[in-house]
Structures are given as C-alpha cells and as structure tokens.
C-alpha cells in the first residue's frame, strides 16, 4: 500500500510534467502568433528595434536604406510564415505525443530546434549579429530547453 508521502510525490511529479508540457504548448502558440505578425506586418513598432539594430550593423545608419526596405519587408513574409509553421508544429507535438511522453516527440523537438539554433547562431556570429544570438536565440532556447530538461526523466520512465 502506498504511503501518503509516495502519493504526494507522484502528484507533484505529474503536476510538474503538466506545467512544462503546457509551457511548451502555450509558448509555441505565442511564437506562432509572432511569426504570423512578422509575415503580415513586419514593418510594425514591435520589430522596429530589431530592424534599426540591423541598419546600424550593416549600413551604419539608424534606418534600413529606402531601396532595401521593400526586400526586407518582403522577406519578413516567408520568414514569418516559416516561424509560424514550425511553432504550430511544435504546439501540436507538445499537445499530443509530448503529453503522452512519447520519446520520439521529445527527440524530434530537440533535434529540429537544435539544428536551427546551431545554424542560425553560426550565421549570426559570422555576420556579427550577436544581439540575435543573445536575445532571440537565447530566449527561444530557454522556451524549448527548460521543458525538455525538466521532463527528461519522465520520458525515460515511460
């Protein structure tokens, strides 16, 4: 017969897993909305600091040169759509197979986003776009790594 302490440990472990599973799901939806906003309206006040940082780095100006603006805001469409796509997929993985503690889902998240962060960070470092590595990539890594770290043992036991 289980003691009350064993029961409390079990429920605490379940609630911790549920917290991190939901964290992954809801933050993925939030990132997907970010991607949609970028795709539909990349030239908005939320993205202005990032665009100005790129302008200072590559053109040594406060704003993107006028002749480059249309290309930049075009490229926000496919980039935002790709971000939305990947995070909708991540939300689906988090809501279904990750929730069922299927190892392949955890591993797919780790490999896919590990590949992205390595490639994206390498390109950013090559072009000295360090702020993207620290801010965007770092934030994204935390959003995905924390749930994987804190639920890792749950998948070993499933």
Protein backbone atom coordinates (compact mmCIF):
# COMPACT_ATOMS: atom_id res chain seq x y z
CA UNK A 1 0.00 0.00 0.00
CA UNK A 2 1.36 3.44 -0.91
CA UNK A 3 2.02 5.95 1.81
CA UNK A 4 0.65 9.48 1.64
CA UNK A 5 4.20 10.72 1.02
CA UNK A 6 4.53 8.46 -2.06
CA UNK A 7 1.17 9.69 -3.37
CA UNK A 8 2.19 13.34 -2.89
CA UNK A 9 5.49 12.73 -4.70
CA UNK A 10 3.61 11.16 -7.60
CA UNK A 11 1.13 14.02 -7.91
CA UNK A 12 3.92 16.59 -7.63
CA UNK A 13 5.79 14.87 -10.46
CA UNK A 14 2.66 14.78 -12.62
CA UNK A 15 1.88 18.43 -11.99
CA UNK A 16 5.48 19.38 -12.84
CA UNK A 17 5.27 17.48 -16.13
CA UNK A 18 1.90 19.04 -16.96
CA UNK A 19 3.26 22.52 -16.19
CA UNK A 20 6.22 22.07 -18.58
CA UNK A 21 4.11 20.40 -21.25
CA UNK A 22 1.66 23.29 -21.17
CA UNK A 23 4.53 25.80 -21.06
CA UNK A 24 5.86 24.29 -24.29
CA UNK A 25 2.40 24.28 -25.87
CA UNK A 26 1.32 27.81 -24.98
CA UNK A 27 4.68 29.47 -25.62
CA UNK A 28 4.74 27.74 -29.00
CA UNK A 29 1.36 29.26 -29.83
CA UNK A 30 2.72 32.65 -28.76
CA UNK A 31 5.77 32.27 -31.02
CA UNK A 32 3.45 31.17 -33.87
CA UNK A 33 1.47 34.40 -33.42
CA UNK A 34 4.76 36.30 -33.52
CA UNK A 35 5.54 34.61 -36.85
CA UNK A 36 2.12 35.48 -38.24
CA UNK A 37 2.58 39.11 -37.18
CA UNK A 38 6.01 39.20 -38.81
CA UNK A 39 4.64 37.69 -42.04
CA UNK A 40 1.66 40.03 -42.31
CA UNK A 41 3.09 43.22 -40.85
CA UNK A 42 6.86 43.05 -40.49
CA UNK A 43 7.14 46.83 -40.54
CA UNK A 44 5.49 47.44 -37.18
CA UNK A 45 6.66 49.15 -33.98
CA UNK A 46 7.37 45.85 -32.20
CA UNK A 47 10.02 44.92 -34.77
CA UNK A 48 11.48 48.45 -35.14
CA UNK A 49 14.32 48.00 -32.60
CA UNK A 50 15.47 44.82 -34.36
CA UNK A 51 15.34 46.45 -37.80
CA UNK A 52 17.21 49.50 -36.51
CA UNK A 53 19.87 47.25 -34.98
CA UNK A 54 20.34 45.58 -38.37
CA UNK A 55 20.53 49.00 -40.06
CA UNK A 56 23.25 50.16 -37.64
CA UNK A 57 25.22 46.94 -38.07
CA UNK A 58 25.10 46.61 -41.85
CA UNK A 59 24.61 50.19 -43.10
CA UNK A 60 25.84 52.27 -40.15
CA UNK A 61 22.55 54.17 -40.24
CA UNK A 62 19.53 54.47 -37.96
CA UNK A 63 17.15 53.01 -40.56
CA UNK A 64 17.29 50.49 -43.39
CA UNK A 65 18.12 52.26 -46.69
CA UNK A 66 14.97 53.09 -48.63
CA UNK A 67 15.90 50.94 -51.62
CA UNK A 68 16.37 47.88 -49.39
CA UNK A 69 13.13 48.37 -47.42
CA UNK A 70 10.80 46.57 -49.86
CA UNK A 71 13.05 43.49 -49.91
CA UNK A 72 13.33 43.45 -46.12
CA UNK A 73 9.59 43.60 -45.64
CA UNK A 74 9.05 41.02 -48.38
CA UNK A 75 11.46 38.62 -46.68
CA UNK A 76 9.51 39.07 -43.43
CA UNK A 77 6.63 37.23 -45.16
CA UNK A 78 8.36 33.91 -45.84
CA UNK A 79 10.39 34.16 -42.62
CA UNK A 80 7.30 34.84 -40.51
CA UNK A 81 5.38 32.08 -42.24
CA UNK A 82 8.22 29.64 -41.55
CA UNK A 83 8.32 30.69 -37.89
CA UNK A 84 4.55 30.25 -37.61
CA UNK A 85 4.71 26.86 -39.31
CA UNK A 86 7.46 25.47 -37.07
CA UNK A 87 5.82 26.70 -33.87
CA UNK A 88 2.38 25.40 -34.83
CA UNK A 89 4.04 22.04 -35.43
CA UNK A 90 5.80 22.31 -32.06
CA UNK A 91 2.50 23.16 -30.35
CA UNK A 92 0.91 20.10 -31.92
CA UNK A 93 3.81 17.90 -30.76
CA UNK A 94 3.59 19.38 -27.27
CA UNK A 95 -0.17 18.88 -27.04
CA UNK A 96 -0.31 15.28 -28.29
CA UNK A 97 2.76 12.99 -28.39
CA UNK A 98 4.86 15.01 -25.91
CA UNK A 99 1.92 15.00 -23.50
CA UNK A 100 1.75 11.20 -23.89
CA UNK A 101 5.50 11.13 -23.10
CA UNK A 102 6.47 9.65 -26.42
CA UNK A 103 10.24 9.84 -26.66
CA UNK A 104 10.28 10.44 -30.39
CA UNK A 105 8.39 13.72 -29.86
CA UNK A 106 10.90 14.95 -27.29
CA UNK A 107 13.78 13.87 -29.52
CA UNK A 108 12.22 15.50 -32.60
CA UNK A 109 11.89 18.79 -30.74
CA UNK A 110 15.47 18.58 -29.53
CA UNK A 111 16.99 17.68 -32.91
CA UNK A 112 14.91 20.09 -35.01
CA UNK A 113 15.41 23.12 -32.81
CA UNK A 114 19.00 22.15 -32.02
CA UNK A 115 19.70 22.19 -35.76
CA UNK A 116 18.01 25.58 -36.10
CA UNK A 117 19.86 27.19 -33.20
CA UNK A 118 23.26 25.92 -34.35
CA UNK A 119 22.78 27.06 -37.96
CA UNK A 120 21.10 30.36 -37.08
CA UNK A 121 23.65 31.21 -34.39
CA UNK A 122 26.58 30.29 -36.65
CA UNK A 123 25.33 32.60 -39.42
CA UNK A 124 24.64 35.37 -36.91
CA UNK A 125 28.09 35.05 -35.36
CA UNK A 126 29.70 35.06 -38.83
CA UNK A 127 27.94 38.36 -39.62
CA UNK A 128 28.45 39.77 -36.10
CA UNK A 129 24.70 39.83 -35.37
CA UNK A 130 25.34 38.89 -31.75
CA UNK A 131 22.19 40.52 -30.45
CA UNK A 132 20.14 37.92 -32.31
CA UNK A 133 22.10 35.09 -30.71
CA UNK A 134 21.72 36.56 -27.21
CA UNK A 135 18.17 37.81 -27.43
CA UNK A 136 16.16 35.84 -29.95
CA UNK A 137 18.04 32.55 -30.00
CA UNK A 138 18.68 32.59 -26.25
CA UNK A 139 15.03 33.25 -25.49
CA UNK A 140 13.94 30.54 -27.93
CA UNK A 141 16.39 28.05 -26.44
CA UNK A 142 15.02 28.68 -22.97
CA UNK A 143 11.47 28.33 -24.22
CA UNK A 144 12.25 24.85 -25.54
CA UNK A 145 15.14 23.64 -23.38
CA UNK A 146 13.53 24.18 -19.99
CA UNK A 147 10.60 21.83 -20.66
CA UNK A 148 12.95 19.23 -22.14
CA UNK A 149 15.33 19.45 -19.19
CA UNK A 150 12.65 19.32 -16.52
CA UNK A 151 10.71 16.48 -18.13
CA UNK A 152 13.64 14.38 -19.36
CA UNK A 153 13.25 11.70 -16.65
CA UNK A 154 9.54 11.40 -17.34
CA UNK A 155 10.35 10.10 -20.81
CA UNK A 156 12.91 7.60 -19.52
CA UNK A 157 10.26 6.09 -17.27
CA UNK A 158 7.54 5.92 -19.89
